[in-house]
Amino acid sequence: MTKWGEKPYHSLDYMLRERFGEKVYKVTLNGGMSCPNRDGKIGTRGCIFCSEGGSGDFAASAALSIHEQIDSQIAMLSAKRPIHKYIAYFQAYTNTYAPVPYLEKIFQEAISHPGIVALSIGTRPDCLEDDVVELLSRLNMVKPVWVELGLQTIHESTAAYIRRGYPLSCFEDSLKRLRTAGL
């Protein structure tokens, strides 16, 4: 049986070590965005699985600049172990739910930090307009960009129960557009 770093499966940790030559940690950032399922565009209560912090309970304060957030997260992680490379992880709420100039500003700020080797963005598939995908594709030419799309279920009845707010077809379309853009 093939082993990847002593595991019988190809883990993210293994892939990151192979690609970047050492262990890589995520620094959780807050871009200060909301969600269409909270601000009234499609709902106000959010999905049932999302906390009040929009799944970003461990993110740095949105009151800080992106560089300050990264530096504070790095200081906290470095106190525990020697780490040199990080992924800028925008997790809280919907991280493409803002005007493109704002997204470009915060994402560029993140990838310009010398310790950041990749950008990871958690978002909803119904918040990936073509201009956002084009921006992410351009940023992907500078440093790797990964997009985490929320799906939770393929069953429309369960999606309604959890108040997800978009159909499976929206996820499928967004996934195809991201893949076409090299993301």
Protein backbone atom coordinates (compact mmCIF):
# COMPACT_ATOMS: atom_id res chain seq x y z
CA MET A 1 0.00 0.00 0.00
CA THR A 2 1.24 3.48 -0.88
CA LYS A 3 1.97 5.72 2.09
CA TRP A 4 1.96 9.52 2.06
CA GLY A 5 3.82 10.76 5.12
CA GLU A 6 2.96 7.62 7.10
CA LYS A 7 -0.75 7.84 6.17
CA PRO A 8 -2.62 5.58 3.73
CA TYR A 9 -4.17 8.65 2.08
CA HIS A 10 -2.95 11.85 0.47
CA SER A 11 -3.61 14.50 3.14
CA LEU A 12 -3.61 18.27 2.76
CA ASP A 13 -0.67 18.40 5.18
CA TYR A 14 1.31 16.02 2.94
CA MET A 15 0.49 18.03 -0.20
CA LEU A 16 1.50 21.30 1.48
CA ARG A 17 4.81 19.84 2.69
CA GLU A 18 5.52 18.51 -0.81
CA ARG A 19 4.65 21.81 -2.47
CA PHE A 20 6.21 24.27 0.00
CA GLY A 21 8.98 22.16 1.56
CA GLU A 22 7.71 22.38 5.14
CA LYS A 23 4.62 22.44 7.31
CA VAL A 24 2.22 25.24 6.41
CA TYR A 25 -0.42 26.70 8.74
CA LYS A 26 -3.56 28.68 8.04
CA VAL A 27 -3.96 32.12 9.54
CA THR A 28 -7.66 32.88 9.85
CA LEU A 29 -8.56 36.37 8.66
CA ASN A 30 -11.71 38.47 8.76
CA GLY A 31 -12.41 40.64 5.73
CA GLY A 32 -15.35 42.32 7.46
CA MET A 33 -17.95 40.97 5.04
CA SER A 34 -21.47 39.77 5.70
CA CYS A 35 -23.60 37.13 4.02
CA PRO A 36 -26.69 37.41 1.81
CA ASN A 37 -28.33 34.90 4.14
CA ARG A 38 -27.89 37.32 7.06
CA ASP A 39 -28.22 40.84 5.66
CA GLY A 40 -31.70 40.39 4.18
CA LYS A 41 -30.81 39.80 0.52
CA ILE A 42 -32.03 36.18 0.76
CA GLY A 43 -32.51 35.76 4.51
CA THR A 44 -31.76 37.18 7.95
CA ARG A 45 -31.18 34.16 10.17
CA GLY A 46 -28.29 32.55 8.30
CA CYS A 47 -27.81 28.85 7.71
CA ILE A 48 -28.52 26.68 10.75
CA PHE A 49 -24.93 25.39 10.90
CA CYS A 50 -23.28 28.83 10.91
CA SER A 51 -22.39 30.49 14.21
CA GLU A 52 -22.97 34.17 14.99
CA GLY A 53 -19.37 34.73 13.91
CA GLY A 54 -20.14 33.28 10.48
CA SER A 55 -17.89 30.25 11.04
CA GLY A 56 -15.02 32.63 11.67
CA ASP A 57 -14.95 32.39 15.44
CA PHE A 58 -11.17 31.99 15.45
CA ALA A 59 -10.41 34.80 13.01
CA ALA A 60 -8.50 37.91 13.98
CA SER A 61 -10.45 41.11 14.56
CA ALA A 62 -11.84 42.80 11.46
CA ALA A 63 -10.89 46.12 13.10
CA LEU A 64 -7.26 45.34 12.23
CA SER A 65 -5.77 45.69 8.76
CA ILE A 66 -5.14 42.42 6.90
CA HIS A 67 -1.38 42.74 7.53
CA GLU A 68 -2.04 43.35 11.24
CA GLN A 69 -4.36 40.34 11.38
CA ILE A 70 -1.71 38.17 9.71
CA ASP A 71 1.02 39.43 12.03
CA SER A 72 -1.11 38.81 15.14
CA GLN A 73 -1.98 35.28 14.00
CA ILE A 74 1.67 34.55 13.13
CA ALA A 75 2.80 35.80 16.56
CA MET A 76 0.31 33.51 18.27
CA LEU A 77 1.26 30.46 16.18
CA SER A 78 5.00 31.12 16.35
CA ALA A 79 4.89 31.14 20.14
CA LYS A 80 3.86 27.47 19.97
CA ARG A 81 6.18 26.13 17.26
CA PRO A 82 8.61 27.28 14.58
CA ILE A 83 6.52 28.08 11.51
CA HIS A 84 7.64 29.99 8.43
CA LYS A 85 4.89 29.62 5.84
CA TYR A 86 1.20 30.40 6.05
CA ILE A 87 -2.04 30.33 4.10
CA ALA A 88 -4.15 33.48 4.32
CA TYR A 89 -7.56 31.99 5.11
CA PHE A 90 -10.64 34.18 4.75
CA GLN A 91 -13.29 32.11 6.48
CA ALA A 92 -15.79 34.32 8.35
CA TYR A 93 -19.11 34.82 6.53
CA THR A 94 -19.02 35.07 2.71
CA ASN A 95 -15.64 36.25 1.49
CA THR A 96 -16.60 37.26 -2.01
CA TYR A 97 -19.65 39.24 -0.88
CA ALA A 98 -18.24 42.71 -1.44
CA PRO A 99 -17.38 44.99 -4.38
CA VAL A 100 -14.46 43.73 -6.46
CA PRO A 101 -12.21 46.75 -5.68
CA TYR A 102 -12.51 45.97 -1.95
CA LEU A 103 -11.87 42.26 -2.52
CA GLU A 104 -8.83 43.05 -4.63
CA LYS A 105 -7.46 45.37 -1.93
CA ILE A 106 -7.72 42.86 0.94
CA PHE A 107 -6.67 39.80 -1.06
CA GLN A 108 -3.66 41.66 -2.54
CA GLU A 109 -2.73 42.82 0.95
CA ALA A 110 -2.84 39.23 2.16
CA ILE A 111 -0.75 37.70 -0.61
CA SER A 112 1.81 40.51 -0.44
CA HIS A 113 2.71 39.51 3.13
CA PRO A 114 6.12 37.73 2.99
CA GLY A 115 4.97 34.76 5.11
CA ILE A 116 1.92 33.99 2.99
CA VAL A 117 2.34 31.25 0.38
CA ALA A 118 -1.31 30.81 -0.67
CA LEU A 119 -4.77 32.37 -0.40
CA SER A 120 -7.82 30.36 0.70
CA ILE A 121 -11.28 31.89 0.45
CA GLY A 122 -14.46 30.47 1.94
CA THR A 123 -17.56 31.63 0.10
CA ARG A 124 -21.00 30.77 -1.22
CA PRO A 125 -21.46 29.75 -4.87
CA ASP A 126 -24.20 32.36 -5.27
CA CYS A 127 -21.61 35.06 -4.49
CA LEU A 128 -19.19 34.32 -7.32
CA GLU A 129 -19.97 36.74 -10.11
CA ASP A 130 -17.80 36.58 -13.24
CA ASP A 131 -15.75 39.64 -12.21
CA VAL A 132 -14.94 37.98 -8.86
CA VAL A 133 -13.84 34.78 -10.60
CA GLU A 134 -11.68 36.85 -12.96
CA LEU A 135 -10.04 38.59 -9.97
CA LEU A 136 -9.33 35.27 -8.27
CA SER A 137 -7.87 33.91 -11.50
CA ARG A 138 -5.49 36.90 -11.74
CA LEU A 139 -4.43 36.50 -8.10
CA ASN A 140 -3.84 32.79 -8.73
CA MET A 141 -1.06 33.80 -11.14
CA VAL A 142 0.75 35.49 -8.21
CA LYS A 143 0.20 32.87 -5.49
CA PRO A 144 -2.05 29.81 -5.34
CA VAL A 145 -5.71 30.65 -4.69
CA TRP A 146 -8.11 28.06 -3.28
CA VAL A 147 -11.85 28.59 -3.09
CA GLU A 148 -13.92 26.69 -0.55
CA LEU A 149 -17.50 26.51 -1.73
CA GLY A 150 -20.28 25.73 0.72
CA LEU A 151 -22.48 22.84 -0.41
CA GLN A 152 -23.48 20.89 2.74
CA THR A 153 -25.95 18.67 0.84
CA ILE A 154 -27.10 17.73 -2.67
CA HIS A 155 -30.68 17.24 -1.46
CA GLU A 156 -32.94 20.25 -2.03
CA SER A 157 -35.23 19.35 0.89
CA THR A 158 -32.26 19.30 3.29
CA ALA A 159 -30.94 22.54 1.76
CA ALA A 160 -34.30 24.18 2.50
CA TYR A 161 -34.30 22.82 6.06
CA ILE A 162 -30.82 24.19 6.79
CA ARG A 163 -31.74 27.52 5.10
CA ARG A 164 -28.83 27.36 2.65
CA GLY A 165 -30.49 29.70 0.18
CA TYR A 166 -29.34 28.42 -3.22
CA PRO A 167 -30.03 25.36 -5.41
CA LEU A 168 -27.56 22.61 -6.29
CA SER A 169 -27.41 23.95 -9.86
CA CYS A 170 -25.84 27.17 -8.54
CA PHE A 171 -23.05 25.16 -6.88
CA GLU A 172 -22.48 23.12 -10.04
CA ASP A 173 -22.31 26.26 -12.22
CA SER A 174 -19.88 28.03 -9.88
CA LEU A 175 -17.67 24.96 -9.67
CA LYS A 176 -17.47 24.75 -13.48
CA ARG A 177 -16.65 28.46 -13.79
CA LEU A 178 -13.92 28.20 -11.14
CA ARG A 179 -12.38 25.16 -12.83
CA THR A 180 -12.50 26.91 -16.22
CA ALA A 181 -10.63 29.85 -14.64
CA GLY A 182 -7.92 27.51 -13.34
CA LEU A 183 -9.03 27.63 -9.72
